[in-house]
C-alpha atoms as a PDB file:
ATOM      1  CA  MET A   1       2.293 -87.146 153.420  1.00  0.00           C
ATOM      2  CA  ALA A   2       5.381 -85.211 153.498  1.00  0.00           C
ATOM      3  CA  ASP A   3       8.454 -86.294 151.350  1.00  0.00           C
ATOM      4  CA  ASN A   4      11.135 -87.832 153.190  1.00  0.00           C
ATOM      5  CA  PRO A   5      14.542 -85.825 152.537  1.00  0.00           C
ATOM      6  CA  ARG A   6      16.594 -88.842 152.707  1.00  0.00           C
ATOM      7  CA  GLN A   7      14.244 -90.170 149.655  1.00  0.00           C
ATOM      8  CA  HIS A   8      15.761 -87.364 147.356  1.00  0.00           C
ATOM      9  CA  SER A   9      19.337 -87.242 148.706  1.00  0.00           C
ATOM     10  CA  ASN A  10      20.686 -90.496 146.270  1.00  0.00           C
ATOM     11  CA  LEU A  11      19.235 -88.224 143.231  1.00  0.00           C
ATOM     12  CA  VAL A  12      22.351 -86.494 141.357  1.00  0.00           C
ATOM     13  CA  PRO A  13      21.512 -82.962 140.267  1.00  0.00           C
ATOM     14  CA  ARG A  14      21.345 -82.135 136.661  1.00  0.00           C
ATOM     15  CA  VAL A  15      24.255 -80.387 135.595  1.00  0.00           C
ATOM     16  CA  VAL A  16      24.014 -76.950 133.937  1.00  0.00           C
ATOM     17  CA  ARG A  17      25.722 -76.874 131.046  1.00  0.00           C
ATOM     18  CA  GLY A  18      29.052 -74.759 131.469  1.00  0.00           C
ATOM     19  CA  GLY A  19      28.476 -75.234 135.371  1.00  0.00           C
ATOM     20  CA  PRO A  20      30.751 -76.950 137.364  1.00  0.00           C
ATOM     21  CA  VAL A  21      30.634 -80.350 137.973  1.00  0.00           C
ATOM     22  CA  ARG A  22      31.075 -81.524 141.739  1.00  0.00           C
ATOM     23  CA  ALA A  23      33.317 -84.346 142.964  1.00  0.00           C
ATOM     24  CA  ARG A  24      30.229 -85.556 144.855  1.00  0.00           C
ATOM     25  CA  ASP A  25      28.312 -85.946 141.412  1.00  0.00           C
ATOM     26  CA  TRP A  26      31.226 -87.886 139.936  1.00  0.00           C
ATOM     27  CA  ASN A  27      31.249 -90.046 143.065  1.00  0.00           C
ATOM     28  CA  HIS A  28      27.601 -90.786 142.778  1.00  0.00           C
ATOM     29  CA  ILE A  29      27.895 -92.040 139.413  1.00  0.00           C
ATOM     30  CA  ALA A  30      30.953 -94.069 140.256  1.00  0.00           C
ATOM     31  CA  GLU A  31      28.827 -95.498 143.350  1.00  0.00           C
ATOM     32  CA  HIS A  32      26.354 -96.475 140.913  1.00  0.00           C
ATOM     33  CA  VAL A  33      28.469 -98.206 138.420  1.00  0.00           C
ATOM     34  CA  ASN A  34      29.955-100.042 141.219  1.00  0.00           C
ATOM     35  CA  ARG A  35      26.532-101.298 142.669  1.00  0.00           C
ATOM     36  CA  GLN A  36      25.652-102.319 139.230  1.00  0.00           C
ATOM     37  CA  ASN A  37      28.943-104.299 138.653  1.00  0.00           C
ATOM     38  CA  THR A  38      29.029-105.961 141.992  1.00  0.00           C
ATOM     39  CA  GLY A  39      25.362-107.314 142.032  1.00  0.00           C
ATOM     40  CA  VAL A  40      23.701-104.965 144.649  1.00  0.00           C
ATOM     41  CA  ASN A  41      20.505-103.355 142.977  1.00  0.00           C
ATOM     42  CA  SER A  42      21.549-104.799 139.655  1.00  0.00           C
ATOM     43  CA  ALA A  43      19.027-104.930 136.850  1.00  0.00           C
ATOM     44  CA  LEU A  44      20.227-108.351 135.692  1.00  0.00           C
ATOM     45  CA  GLN A  45      21.628-110.868 138.277  1.00  0.00           C
ATOM     46  CA  LEU A  46      22.808-114.106 136.937  1.00  0.00           C
ATOM     47  CA  PRO A  47      22.916-117.221 139.551  1.00  0.00           C
ATOM     48  CA  ASN A  48      26.577-118.492 139.735  1.00  0.00           C
ATOM     49  CA  LEU A  49      28.359-118.775 136.329  1.00  0.00           C
ATOM     50  CA  THR A  50      29.314-122.344 135.847  1.00  0.00           C
ATOM     51  CA  ASP A  51      28.223-125.078 133.460  1.00  0.00           C
ATOM     52  CA  SER A  52      25.362-126.486 135.511  1.00  0.00           C
ATOM     53  CA  PRO A  53      22.091-126.654 133.992  1.00  0.00           C
ATOM     54  CA  GLY A  54      19.951-123.760 134.690  1.00  0.00           C
ATOM     55  CA  THR A  55      22.889-120.838 134.206  1.00  0.00           C
ATOM     56  CA  SER A  56      23.951-119.012 131.185  1.00  0.00           C
ATOM     57  CA  LEU A  57      27.487-118.360 130.664  1.00  0.00           C
ATOM     58  CA  PHE A  58      28.979-115.445 128.274  1.00  0.00           C
ATOM     59  CA  GLY A  59      32.198-115.616 126.879  1.00  0.00           C
ATOM     60  CA  ARG A  60      34.377-113.244 124.170  1.00  0.00           C
ATOM     61  CA  PHE A  61      35.421-115.194 121.018  1.00  0.00           C
ATOM     62  CA  ARG A  62      37.296-114.239 117.914  1.00  0.00           C
ATOM     63  CA  ILE A  63      35.825-115.230 114.752  1.00  0.00           C
ATOM     64  CA  LYS A  64      38.113-117.594 112.777  1.00  0.00           C
ATOM     65  CA  VAL A  65      35.688-118.963 110.081  1.00  0.00           C
ATOM     66  CA  ILE A  66      32.372-118.048 108.760  1.00  0.00           C
ATOM     67  CA  GLU A  67      30.043-120.766 108.168  1.00  0.00           C
ATOM     68  CA  GLY A  68      26.410-120.759 107.140  1.00  0.00           C
ATOM     69  CA  ASP A  69      24.614-121.132 110.483  1.00  0.00           C
ATOM     70  CA  SER A  70      27.616-120.351 112.503  1.00  0.00           C
ATOM     71  CA  LEU A  71      30.846-119.224 113.056  1.00  0.00           C
ATOM     72  CA  LEU A  72      34.204-121.180 114.077  1.00  0.00           C
ATOM     73  CA  CYS A  73      35.723-119.003 116.826  1.00  0.00           C
ATOM     74  CA  VAL A  74      38.412-119.010 119.643  1.00  0.00           C
ATOM     75  CA  ALA A  75      37.965-117.786 123.285  1.00  0.00           C
ATOM     76  CA  TRP A  76      39.782-114.484 123.241  1.00  0.00           C
ATOM     77  CA  ASN A  77      40.482-112.523 126.674  1.00  0.00           C
ATOM     78  CA  GLY A  78      41.412-109.193 124.903  1.00  0.00           C
ATOM     79  CA  THR A  79      44.954-110.626 124.182  1.00  0.00           C
ATOM     80  CA  THR A  80      45.243-114.017 123.879  1.00  0.00           C
ATOM     81  CA  GLU A  81      43.491-116.320 121.542  1.00  0.00           C
ATOM     82  CA  GLY A  82      42.384-120.067 122.807  1.00  0.00           C
ATOM     83  CA  THR A  83      43.542-123.207 121.082  1.00  0.00           C
ATOM     84  CA  GLU A  84      40.404-124.937 120.862  1.00  0.00           C
ATOM     85  CA  GLN A  85      38.126-124.002 117.931  1.00  0.00           C
ATOM     86  CA  ILE A  86      34.493-123.455 119.260  1.00  0.00           C
ATOM     87  CA  SER A  87      31.286-123.238 116.901  1.00  0.00           C
ATOM     88  CA  VAL A  88      29.013-120.338 117.779  1.00  0.00           C
ATOM     89  CA  ALA A  89      25.381-120.343 116.406  1.00  0.00           C
ATOM     90  CA  ARG A  90      24.586-116.995 114.408  1.00  0.00           C
ATOM     91  CA  PRO A  91      21.394-115.390 115.613  1.00  0.00           C
ATOM     92  CA  PHE A  92      18.546-117.177 113.786  1.00  0.00           C
ATOM     93  CA  LEU A  93      17.802-114.369 110.974  1.00  0.00           C
ATOM     94  CA  LEU A  94      21.490-114.312 110.120  1.00  0.00           C
ATOM     95  CA  ARG A  95      21.526-118.083 109.194  1.00  0.00           C
ATOM     96  CA  THR A  96      21.208-119.656 105.964  1.00  0.00           C
ATOM     97  CA  ILE A  97      17.247-119.901 106.024  1.00  0.00           C
ATOM     98  CA  THR A  98      16.311-122.404 103.405  1.00  0.00           C
ATOM     99  CA  ALA A  99      12.438-121.989 103.624  1.00  0.00           C
ATOM    100  CA  ASP A 100      10.047-119.265 102.625  1.00  0.00           C
ATOM    101  CA  HIS A 101      10.107-116.476 105.200  1.00  0.00           C
ATOM    102  CA  ASN A 102       7.117-114.192 105.187  1.00  0.00           C
ATOM    103  CA  ASN A 103       6.464-115.097 101.595  1.00  0.00           C
ATOM    104  CA  VAL A 104      10.051-114.291 100.564  1.00  0.00           C
ATOM    105  CA  THR A 105      12.363-117.136  99.337  1.00  0.00           C
ATOM    106  CA  PHE A 106      16.002-116.928  99.917  1.00  0.00           C
ATOM    107  CA  VAL A 107      18.932-118.494  97.922  1.00  0.00           C
ATOM    108  CA  TYR A 108      22.593-118.479  99.807  1.00  0.00           C
ATOM    109  CA  PRO A 109      25.459-118.085  96.997  1.00  0.00           C
ATOM    110  CA  ASP A 110      27.952-118.159 100.103  1.00  0.00           C
ATOM    111  CA  ASN A 111      27.724-117.488 103.825  1.00  0.00           C
ATOM    112  CA  VAL A 112      27.674-113.849 103.980  1.00  0.00           C
ATOM    113  CA  THR A 113      25.430-113.015 100.668  1.00  0.00           C
ATOM    114  CA  ARG A 114      21.951-113.660 100.008  1.00  0.00           C
ATOM    115  CA  THR A 115      19.231-113.088  96.897  1.00  0.00           C
ATOM    116  CA  ALA A 116      15.726-112.416  98.368  1.00  0.00           C
ATOM    117  CA  SER A 117      12.975-113.414  95.552  1.00  0.00           C
ATOM    118  CA  ALA A 118       8.981-112.299  96.229  1.00  0.00           C
ATOM    119  CA  ALA A 119       6.606-112.726  93.480  1.00  0.00           C
ATOM    120  CA  GLY A 120       5.973-109.944  91.431  1.00  0.00           C
ATOM    121  CA  GLU A 121       9.409-108.247  92.627  1.00  0.00           C
ATOM    122  CA  THR A 122      12.771-107.532  91.581  1.00  0.00           C
ATOM    123  CA  ASP A 123      15.247-110.108  93.240  1.00  0.00           C
ATOM    124  CA  GLU A 124      17.636-108.270  96.044  1.00  0.00           C
ATOM    125  CA  THR A 125      20.753-109.178  96.649  1.00  0.00           C
ATOM    126  CA  ASP A 126      21.593-108.644 100.487  1.00  0.00           C
ATOM    127  CA  VAL A 127      24.825-108.704 102.754  1.00  0.00           C
ATOM    128  CA  ILE A 128      25.566-108.765 106.274  1.00  0.00           C
ATOM    129  CA  VAL A 129      26.017-105.188 107.820  1.00  0.00           C
ATOM    130  CA  PRO A 130      28.265-104.445 109.288  1.00  0.00           C
ATOM    131  CA  ALA A 131      30.270-107.764 108.016  1.00  0.00           C
ATOM    132  CA  TYR A 132      31.532-111.029 110.048  1.00  0.00           C
ATOM    133  CA  VAL A 133      35.220-110.620 109.294  1.00  0.00           C
ATOM    134  CA  VAL A 134      38.129-113.235 110.393  1.00  0.00           C
ATOM    135  CA  ASP A 135      39.515-112.217 113.736  1.00  0.00           C
ATOM    136  CA  ASP A 136      36.607-109.440 114.876  1.00  0.00           C
ATOM    137  CA  GLU A 137      35.509-109.989 118.511  1.00  0.00           C
ATOM    138  CA  ILE A 138      31.847-111.271 119.457  1.00  0.00           C
ATOM    139  CA  ILE A 139      30.302-111.929 122.821  1.00  0.00           C
ATOM    140  CA  ALA A 140      28.411-115.119 123.037  1.00  0.00           C
ATOM    141  CA  ILE A 141      26.102-116.832 125.401  1.00  0.00           C
ATOM    142  CA  LYS A 142      25.510-120.546 126.226  1.00  0.00           C
ATOM    143  CA  GLY A 143      23.025-122.157 128.626  1.00  0.00           C
ATOM    144  CA  ILE A 144      19.980-120.994 126.442  1.00  0.00           C
ATOM    145  CA  LEU A 145      16.819-122.772 127.761  1.00  0.00           C
ATOM    146  CA  ARG A 146      15.729-125.099 124.870  1.00  0.00           C
ATOM    147  CA  GLY A 147      19.042-124.462 123.030  1.00  0.00           C
ATOM    148  CA  THR A 148      20.435-122.442 119.952  1.00  0.00           C
ATOM    149  CA  GLY A 149      18.421-124.482 117.520  1.00  0.00           C
ATOM    150  CA  ALA A 150      21.689-124.602 115.246  1.00  0.00           C
ATOM    151  CA  PHE A 151      23.886-127.689 114.228  1.00  0.00           C
ATOM    152  CA  THR A 152      27.461-128.011 113.034  1.00  0.00           C
ATOM    153  CA  SER A 153      28.029-129.822 109.688  1.00  0.00           C
ATOM    154  CA  ALA A 154      28.412-133.086 111.563  1.00  0.00           C
ATOM    155  CA  SER A 155      24.941-132.585 113.203  1.00  0.00           C
ATOM    156  CA  THR A 156      26.543-131.496 116.763  1.00  0.00           C
ATOM    157  CA  THR A 157      24.232-129.130 118.684  1.00  0.00           C
ATOM    158  CA  ILE A 158      25.848-125.945 118.714  1.00  0.00           C
ATOM    159  CA  VAL A 159      25.497-124.425 122.438  1.00  0.00           C
ATOM    160  CA  TRP A 160      27.081-120.939 122.008  1.00  0.00           C
ATOM    161  CA  GLN A 161      25.176-118.352 120.470  1.00  0.00           C
ATOM    162  CA  ASP A 162      26.612-114.772 118.936  1.00  0.00           C
ATOM    163  CA  LEU A 163      24.402-112.298 121.092  1.00  0.00           C
ATOM    164  CA  ASN A 164      24.733-109.773 117.994  1.00  0.00           C
ATOM    165  CA  ILE A 165      25.868-106.687 119.993  1.00  0.00           C
ATOM    166  CA  ASP A 166      27.110-105.137 116.832  1.00  0.00           C
ATOM    167  CA  ALA A 167      23.447-105.349 115.627  1.00  0.00           C
ATOM    168  CA  ARG A 168      24.245-107.138 112.368  1.00  0.00           C
ATOM    169  CA  ALA A 169      21.260-107.440 109.896  1.00  0.00           C
ATOM    170  CA  TRP A 170      20.443-107.951 106.227  1.00  0.00           C
ATOM    171  CA  ALA A 171      20.675-104.885 103.934  1.00  0.00           C
ATOM    172  CA  LYS A 172      20.669-104.494 100.373  1.00  0.00           C
ATOM    173  CA  GLN A 173      23.939-105.020  99.071  1.00  0.00           C
ATOM    174  CA  ALA A 174      24.972-101.249  97.526  1.00  0.00           C
ATOM    175  CA  GLU A 175      24.923-101.157  93.540  1.00  0.00           C
END
């Protein structure tokens, strides 16, 4: 079967180092980005973003207080902070897990440090890297099927969860 010449017309030719970049190449990239952002051929299409069950909602927040399993945040649009404080769950592995995990016991002297102990091993002090810092921006999601599994100190279910787009993880503290 012969190739359809129109089938390949949407491919952007690779740019050769030092070669010219044509306006139509840039326009092709712009059209692709616009299609992605408007939902046409989008890899991720969410149902209408409302607070109704079965939908997810993303939000921008600024951290105000760092707690054991959550962050106390305010909404943030890039210039103005909201006034309502909202609890946002930390990702599961960044929470203060008190039980053994993979035969390692963790003790949390504060909300950003832990000591890991395993039989026959030297204890290790870990910190979250990059650290959570007051006034840092995070992106969170709510509407997670079966919830976040996190609760406030008043036993209220936390509905927002940090997406951890900064790739935070526990790491051995530098000596």
